[in-house]
């Protein structure tokens, strides 16, 4: 899913994202606001993953 589509559907996707990455808080999701790079960064920060790992997870989740 590209960043524009993700941002446009963010309100619908937030719950799904929080189920997958439960360490992300509502505040985190508000900051992310549908931006793929922000989501990848927060996953890195909260889960201690490399950028490549986080990007792969995000890409696989939104396929």
PDB file of N, CA and C in Angstrom:
ATOM      1  N   UNK A   1       0.859  -1.171   0.000  1.00  0.00           N
ATOM      2  CA  UNK A   1       0.000   0.000   0.000  1.00  0.00           C
ATOM      3  C   UNK A   1       0.901   1.228   0.000  1.00  0.00           C
ATOM      4  N   UNK A   2       0.612   2.157  -0.896  1.00  0.00           N
ATOM      5  CA  UNK A   2       1.451   3.351  -0.940  1.00  0.00           C
ATOM      6  C   UNK A   2       1.065   4.330   0.167  1.00  0.00           C
ATOM      7  N   UNK A   3       1.933   5.281   0.416  1.00  0.00           N
ATOM      8  CA  UNK A   3       1.754   6.212   1.535  1.00  0.00           C
ATOM      9  C   UNK A   3       0.489   7.054   1.407  1.00  0.00           C
ATOM     10  N   UNK A   4       0.154   7.484   0.193  1.00  0.00           N
ATOM     11  CA  UNK A   4      -1.047   8.306   0.007  1.00  0.00           C
ATOM     12  C   UNK A   4      -2.312   7.530   0.361  1.00  0.00           C
ATOM     13  N   UNK A   5      -2.375   6.290  -0.089  1.00  0.00           N
ATOM     14  CA  UNK A   5      -3.547   5.463   0.224  1.00  0.00           C
ATOM     15  C   UNK A   5      -3.621   5.153   1.712  1.00  0.00           C
ATOM     16  N   UNK A   6      -2.467   4.891   2.297  1.00  0.00           N
ATOM     17  CA  UNK A   6      -2.414   4.594   3.726  1.00  0.00           C
ATOM     18  C   UNK A   6      -2.906   5.791   4.529  1.00  0.00           C
ATOM     19  N   UNK A   7      -2.439   6.981   4.162  1.00  0.00           N
ATOM     20  CA  UNK A   7      -2.854   8.194   4.875  1.00  0.00           C
ATOM     21  C   UNK A   7      -4.354   8.421   4.711  1.00  0.00           C
ATOM     22  N   UNK A   8      -4.868   8.202   3.512  1.00  0.00           N
ATOM     23  CA  UNK A   8      -6.291   8.412   3.251  1.00  0.00           C
ATOM     24  C   UNK A   8      -7.190   7.457   4.012  1.00  0.00           C
ATOM     25  N   UNK A   9      -6.705   6.264   4.288  1.00  0.00           N
ATOM     26  CA  UNK A   9      -7.496   5.245   4.986  1.00  0.00           C
ATOM     27  C   UNK A   9      -7.085   5.088   6.448  1.00  0.00           C
ATOM     28  N   UNK A  10      -6.314   6.029   6.966  1.00  0.00           N
ATOM     29  CA  UNK A  10      -5.709   5.858   8.281  1.00  0.00           C
ATOM     30  C   UNK A  10      -6.729   5.606   9.385  1.00  0.00           C
ATOM     31  N   UNK A  11      -7.835   6.314   9.384  1.00  0.00           N
ATOM     32  CA  UNK A  11      -8.828   6.122  10.456  1.00  0.00           C
ATOM     33  C   UNK A  11      -9.324   4.689  10.481  1.00  0.00           C
ATOM     34  N   UNK A  12      -9.482   4.091   9.316  1.00  0.00           N
ATOM     35  CA  UNK A  12      -9.924   2.704   9.237  1.00  0.00           C
ATOM     36  C   UNK A  12      -8.811   1.735   9.617  1.00  0.00           C
ATOM     37  N   UNK A  13      -7.582   2.095   9.334  1.00  0.00           N
ATOM     38  CA  UNK A  13      -6.441   1.205   9.546  1.00  0.00           C
ATOM     39  C   UNK A  13      -5.893   1.228  10.965  1.00  0.00           C
ATOM     40  N   UNK A  14      -6.186   2.278  11.720  1.00  0.00           N
ATOM     41  CA  UNK A  14      -5.597   2.439  13.055  1.00  0.00           C
ATOM     42  C   UNK A  14      -5.832   1.237  13.960  1.00  0.00           C
ATOM     43  N   UNK A  15      -7.050   0.747  13.997  1.00  0.00           N
ATOM     44  CA  UNK A  15      -7.364  -0.393  14.859  1.00  0.00           C
ATOM     45  C   UNK A  15      -6.598  -1.632  14.445  1.00  0.00           C
ATOM     46  N   UNK A  16      -6.505  -1.842  13.152  1.00  0.00           N
ATOM     47  CA  UNK A  16      -5.778  -2.977  12.615  1.00  0.00           C
ATOM     48  C   UNK A  16      -4.301  -2.883  12.965  1.00  0.00           C
ATOM     49  N   UNK A  17      -3.742  -1.691  12.855  1.00  0.00           N
ATOM     50  CA  UNK A  17      -2.332  -1.466  13.177  1.00  0.00           C
ATOM     51  C   UNK A  17      -2.090  -1.706  14.666  1.00  0.00           C
ATOM     52  N   UNK A  18      -3.000  -1.239  15.499  1.00  0.00           N
ATOM     53  CA  UNK A  18      -2.817  -1.399  16.939  1.00  0.00           C
ATOM     54  C   UNK A  18      -2.940  -2.867  17.346  1.00  0.00           C
ATOM     55  N   UNK A  19      -3.749  -3.643  16.636  1.00  0.00           N
ATOM     56  CA  UNK A  19      -3.827  -5.076  16.928  1.00  0.00           C
ATOM     57  C   UNK A  19      -2.515  -5.763  16.591  1.00  0.00           C
ATOM     58  N   UNK A  20      -1.930  -5.407  15.458  1.00  0.00           N
ATOM     59  CA  UNK A  20      -0.676  -6.036  15.009  1.00  0.00           C
ATOM     60  C   UNK A  20       0.500  -5.605  15.881  1.00  0.00           C
ATOM     61  N   UNK A  21       0.588  -4.324  16.168  1.00  0.00           N
ATOM     62  CA  UNK A  21       1.710  -3.773  16.954  1.00  0.00           C
ATOM     63  C   UNK A  21       1.130  -3.147  18.222  1.00  0.00           C
ATOM     64  N   UNK A  22       0.815  -3.983  19.189  1.00  0.00           N
ATOM     65  CA  UNK A  22       0.127  -3.573  20.403  1.00  0.00           C
ATOM     66  C   UNK A  22       0.873  -2.600  21.293  1.00  0.00           C
ATOM     67  N   UNK A  23       2.182  -2.473  21.104  1.00  0.00           N
ATOM     68  CA  UNK A  23       2.946  -1.524  21.920  1.00  0.00           C
ATOM     69  C   UNK A  23       2.745  -0.084  21.466  1.00  0.00           C
ATOM     70  N   UNK A  24       2.148   0.112  20.298  1.00  0.00           N
ATOM     71  CA  UNK A  24       1.901   1.471  19.809  1.00  0.00           C
ATOM     72  C   UNK A  24       0.683   2.043  20.535  1.00  0.00           C
ATOM     73  N   UNK A  25       0.862   3.196  21.127  1.00  0.00           N
ATOM     74  CA  UNK A  25      -0.219   3.840  21.882  1.00  0.00           C
ATOM     75  C   UNK A  25      -1.094   4.679  20.951  1.00  0.00           C
ATOM     76  N   UNK A  26      -2.209   5.144  21.491  1.00  0.00           N
ATOM     77  CA  UNK A  26      -3.072   6.049  20.724  1.00  0.00           C
ATOM     78  C   UNK A  26      -2.304   7.310  20.337  1.00  0.00           C
ATOM     79  N   UNK A  27      -1.471   7.804  21.243  1.00  0.00           N
ATOM     80  CA  UNK A  27      -0.650   8.983  20.930  1.00  0.00           C
ATOM     81  C   UNK A  27       0.312   8.690  19.781  1.00  0.00           C
ATOM     82  N   UNK A  28       0.927   7.493  19.800  1.00  0.00           N
ATOM     83  CA  UNK A  28       1.811   7.104  18.705  1.00  0.00           C
ATOM     84  C   UNK A  28       1.044   7.105  17.384  1.00  0.00           C
ATOM     85  N   UNK A  29      -0.148   6.542  17.402  1.00  0.00           N
ATOM     86  CA  UNK A  29      -0.946   6.451  16.182  1.00  0.00           C
ATOM     87  C   UNK A  29      -1.366   7.828  15.695  1.00  0.00           C
ATOM     88  N   UNK A  30      -1.609   8.746  16.618  1.00  0.00           N
ATOM     89  CA  UNK A  30      -1.945  10.118  16.214  1.00  0.00           C
ATOM     90  C   UNK A  30      -0.754  10.798  15.544  1.00  0.00           C
ATOM     91  N   UNK A  31       0.453  10.541  16.058  1.00  0.00           N
ATOM     92  CA  UNK A  31       1.664  11.118  15.478  1.00  0.00           C
ATOM     93  C   UNK A  31       1.931  10.500  14.103  1.00  0.00           C
ATOM     94  N   UNK A  32       1.733   9.196  13.992  1.00  0.00           N
ATOM     95  CA  UNK A  32       1.968   8.495  12.729  1.00  0.00           C
ATOM     96  C   UNK A  32       1.040   9.033  11.642  1.00  0.00           C
ATOM     97  N   UNK A  33      -0.229   9.204  11.981  1.00  0.00           N
ATOM     98  CA  UNK A  33      -1.226   9.816  11.098  1.00  0.00           C
ATOM     99  C   UNK A  33      -1.164   9.293   9.663  1.00  0.00           C
ATOM    100  N   UNK A  34      -0.964   7.993   9.510  1.00  0.00           N
ATOM    101  CA  UNK A  34      -0.983   7.383   8.190  1.00  0.00           C
ATOM    102  C   UNK A  34       0.303   7.488   7.400  1.00  0.00           C
ATOM    103  N   UNK A  35       1.357   8.007   8.008  1.00  0.00           N
ATOM    104  CA  UNK A  35       2.635   8.151   7.301  1.00  0.00           C
ATOM    105  C   UNK A  35       3.454   6.875   7.488  1.00  0.00           C
ATOM    106  N   UNK A  36       3.769   6.222   6.391  1.00  0.00           N
ATOM    107  CA  UNK A  36       4.490   4.951   6.427  1.00  0.00           C
ATOM    108  C   UNK A  36       5.829   5.090   7.145  1.00  0.00           C
ATOM    109  N   UNK A  37       6.585   6.129   6.845  1.00  0.00           N
ATOM    110  CA  UNK A  37       7.908   6.281   7.463  1.00  0.00           C
ATOM    111  C   UNK A  37       7.794   6.468   8.977  1.00  0.00           C
ATOM    112  N   UNK A  38       6.754   7.173   9.408  1.00  0.00           N
ATOM    113  CA  UNK A  38       6.536   7.346  10.859  1.00  0.00           C
ATOM    114  C   UNK A  38       6.187   6.008  11.508  1.00  0.00           C
ATOM    115  N   UNK A  39       5.353   5.210  10.837  1.00  0.00           N
ATOM    116  CA  UNK A  39       4.987   3.894  11.363  1.00  0.00           C
ATOM    117  C   UNK A  39       6.222   3.014  11.478  1.00  0.00           C
ATOM    118  N   UNK A  40       7.031   2.982  10.448  1.00  0.00           N
ATOM    119  CA  UNK A  40       8.254   2.182  10.466  1.00  0.00           C
ATOM    120  C   UNK A  40       9.157   2.632  11.620  1.00  0.00           C
ATOM    121  N   UNK A  41       9.308   3.923  11.788  1.00  0.00           N
ATOM    122  CA  UNK A  41      10.143   4.455  12.867  1.00  0.00           C
ATOM    123  C   UNK A  41       9.638   4.080  14.248  1.00  0.00           C
ATOM    124  N   UNK A  42       8.333   4.167  14.451  1.00  0.00           N
ATOM    125  CA  UNK A  42       7.763   3.811  15.762  1.00  0.00           C
ATOM    126  C   UNK A  42       7.915   2.320  16.042  1.00  0.00           C
ATOM    127  N   UNK A  43       7.770   1.489  15.008  1.00  0.00           N
ATOM    128  CA  UNK A  43       7.962   0.045  15.194  1.00  0.00           C
ATOM    129  C   UNK A  43       9.416  -0.234  15.565  1.00  0.00           C
ATOM    130  N   UNK A  44      10.334   0.441  14.903  1.00  0.00           N
ATOM    131  CA  UNK A  44      11.759   0.304  15.254  1.00  0.00           C
ATOM    132  C   UNK A  44      11.982   0.661  16.718  1.00  0.00           C
ATOM    133  N   UNK A  45      11.437   1.791  17.106  1.00  0.00           N
ATOM    134  CA  UNK A  45      11.646   2.319  18.456  1.00  0.00           C
ATOM    135  C   UNK A  45      11.028   1.409  19.516  1.00  0.00           C
ATOM    136  N   UNK A  46       9.791   0.996  19.320  1.00  0.00           N
ATOM    137  CA  UNK A  46       9.075   0.227  20.346  1.00  0.00           C
ATOM    138  C   UNK A  46       9.502  -1.237  20.409  1.00  0.00           C
ATOM    139  N   UNK A  47       9.925  -1.792  19.264  1.00  0.00           N
ATOM    140  CA  UNK A  47      10.229  -3.218  19.214  1.00  0.00           C
ATOM    141  C   UNK A  47      11.711  -3.528  19.029  1.00  0.00           C
ATOM    142  N   UNK A  48      12.554  -2.507  18.898  1.00  0.00           N
ATOM    143  CA  UNK A  48      13.986  -2.720  18.763  1.00  0.00           C
ATOM    144  C   UNK A  48      14.369  -3.440  17.474  1.00  0.00           C
ATOM    145  N   UNK A  49      13.648  -3.178  16.415  1.00  0.00           N
ATOM    146  CA  UNK A  49      13.913  -3.816  15.125  1.00  0.00           C
ATOM    147  C   UNK A  49      14.752  -2.899  14.253  1.00  0.00           C
ATOM    148  N   UNK A  50      15.415  -3.512  13.282  1.00  0.00           N
ATOM    149  CA  UNK A  50      16.147  -2.710  12.304  1.00  0.00           C
ATOM    150  C   UNK A  50      15.145  -2.057  11.359  1.00  0.00           C
ATOM    151  N   UNK A  51      15.587  -1.048  10.655  1.00  0.00           N
ATOM    152  CA  UNK A  51      14.711  -0.361   9.693  1.00  0.00           C
ATOM    153  C   UNK A  51      14.202  -1.349   8.639  1.00  0.00           C
ATOM    154  N   UNK A  52      15.100  -2.220   8.164  1.00  0.00           N
ATOM    155  CA  UNK A  52      14.724  -3.196   7.147  1.00  0.00           C
ATOM    156  C   UNK A  52      13.654  -4.158   7.660  1.00  0.00           C
ATOM    157  N   UNK A  53      13.807  -4.631   8.900  1.00  0.00           N
ATOM    158  CA  UNK A  53      12.815  -5.535   9.489  1.00  0.00           C
ATOM    159  C   UNK A  53      11.459  -4.850   9.613  1.00  0.00           C
ATOM    160  N   UNK A  54      11.468  -3.625  10.115  1.00  0.00           N
ATOM    161  CA  UNK A  54      10.219  -2.889  10.302  1.00  0.00           C
ATOM    162  C   UNK A  54       9.539  -2.602   8.962  1.00  0.00           C
ATOM    163  N   UNK A  55      10.319  -2.211   7.955  1.00  0.00           N
ATOM    164  CA  UNK A  55       9.749  -1.955   6.635  1.00  0.00           C
ATOM    165  C   UNK A  55       9.138  -3.215   6.045  1.00  0.00           C
ATOM    166  N   UNK A  56       9.815  -4.346   6.216  1.00  0.00           N
ATOM    167  CA  UNK A  56       9.311  -5.612   5.711  1.00  0.00           C
ATOM    168  C   UNK A  56       7.980  -5.977   6.384  1.00  0.00           C
ATOM    169  N   UNK A  57       7.908  -5.812   7.705  1.00  0.00           N
ATOM    170  CA  UNK A  57       6.674  -6.104   8.432  1.00  0.00           C
ATOM    171  C   UNK A  57       5.522  -5.219   7.941  1.00  0.00           C
ATOM    172  N   UNK A  58       5.792  -3.941   7.781  1.00  0.00           N
ATOM    173  CA  UNK A  58       4.749  -3.011   7.332  1.00  0.00           C
ATOM    174  C   UNK A  58       4.282  -3.384   5.926  1.00  0.00           C
ATOM    175  N   UNK A  59       5.225  -3.652   5.040  1.00  0.00           N
ATOM    176  CA  UNK A  59       4.880  -4.008   3.658  1.00  0.00           C
ATOM    177  C   UNK A  59       4.052  -5.291   3.620  1.00  0.00           C
ATOM    178  N   UNK A  60       4.456  -6.299   4.403  1.00  0.00           N
ATOM    179  CA  UNK A  60       3.725  -7.554   4.435  1.00  0.00           C
ATOM    180  C   UNK A  60       2.347  -7.380   5.036  1.00  0.00           C
ATOM    181  N   UNK A  61       2.245  -6.566   6.056  1.00  0.00           N
ATOM    182  CA  UNK A  61       0.949  -6.359   6.723  1.00  0.00           C
ATOM    183  C   UNK A  61      -0.067  -5.672   5.815  1.00  0.00           C
ATOM    184  N   UNK A  62       0.395  -4.756   4.993  1.00  0.00           N
ATOM    185  CA  UNK A  62      -0.535  -3.997   4.163  1.00  0.00           C
ATOM    186  C   UNK A  62      -0.666  -4.541   2.744  1.00  0.00           C
ATOM    187  N   UNK A  63      -0.132  -5.702   2.481  1.00  0.00           N
ATOM    188  CA  UNK A  63      -0.284  -6.325   1.182  1.00  0.00           C
ATOM    189  C   UNK A  63      -1.668  -6.804   0.952  1.00  0.00           C
TER     190      UNK A  63
END
